[in-house]
Amino acid sequence: MSNRINIGLLNDIPRLGARVVQTEPGNIAVFRTADEAVFALAARCRKVLCLARR
């Protein structure tokens, strides 16, 4: 069983940008760095999400 899901293309997230992906178990925050790395975290803390959107 794979725990990966297709959320789109890397270029759909701008460099130094982030997106929230809605999944059945909960939201996932996906971040792209300046050097093309991608990180994902469970989006559980509303305060952190508000700071990330600024």
Protein backbone atom coordinates (compact mmCIF):
# COMPACT_ATOMS: atom_id res chain seq x y z
CA MET A 1 0.00 0.00 0.00
CA SER A 2 1.36 3.39 -1.00
CA ASN A 3 0.90 6.46 1.16
CA ARG A 4 1.52 8.80 -1.79
CA ILE A 5 -1.14 10.72 -3.65
CA ASN A 6 -0.87 12.77 -6.82
CA ILE A 7 -1.47 16.45 -6.01
CA GLY A 8 -0.32 17.94 -9.32
CA LEU A 9 2.86 19.14 -10.93
CA LEU A 10 5.82 20.63 -9.09
CA ASN A 11 5.34 23.84 -11.08
CA ASP A 12 1.83 24.17 -9.60
CA ILE A 13 3.55 25.29 -6.37
CA PRO A 14 5.69 28.41 -6.82
CA ARG A 15 9.22 28.47 -5.43
CA LEU A 16 9.09 29.47 -1.76
CA GLY A 17 5.34 28.82 -1.94
CA ALA A 18 2.92 26.49 -0.24
CA ARG A 19 -0.40 24.80 -0.87
CA VAL A 20 -2.88 23.01 1.35
CA VAL A 21 -4.12 19.70 -0.01
CA GLN A 22 -7.40 18.37 1.35
CA THR A 23 -7.38 14.63 1.99
CA GLU A 24 -9.84 12.32 3.71
CA PRO A 25 -7.69 11.92 6.86
CA GLY A 26 -7.02 15.69 7.05
CA ASN A 27 -5.29 18.61 5.38
CA ILE A 28 -1.65 18.44 4.27
CA ALA A 29 0.50 21.56 3.87
CA VAL A 30 2.97 21.19 0.97
CA PHE A 31 5.95 23.57 0.76
CA ARG A 32 8.45 24.13 -2.09
CA THR A 33 11.87 25.58 -1.35
CA ALA A 34 14.09 27.77 -3.52
CA ASP A 35 16.26 24.76 -4.43
CA GLU A 36 13.26 22.63 -5.60
CA ALA A 37 12.88 20.54 -2.45
CA VAL A 38 9.32 19.70 -1.41
CA PHE A 39 8.13 19.09 2.14
CA ALA A 40 4.72 18.11 3.46
CA LEU A 41 3.30 18.39 6.97
CA ALA A 42 -0.02 17.57 8.54
CA ALA A 43 -1.86 20.90 8.70
CA ARG A 44 -3.22 20.66 12.23
CA CYS A 45 -2.32 23.98 13.83
CA ARG A 46 -4.52 26.77 12.46
CA LYS A 47 -2.18 29.47 13.80
CA VAL A 48 0.77 28.08 11.79
CA LEU A 49 -1.32 28.02 8.61
CA CYS A 50 -2.27 31.67 9.05
CA LEU A 51 1.39 32.64 9.42
CA ALA A 52 2.35 30.60 6.33
CA ARG A 53 -0.15 32.45 4.14
CA ARG A 54 1.27 35.92 4.88
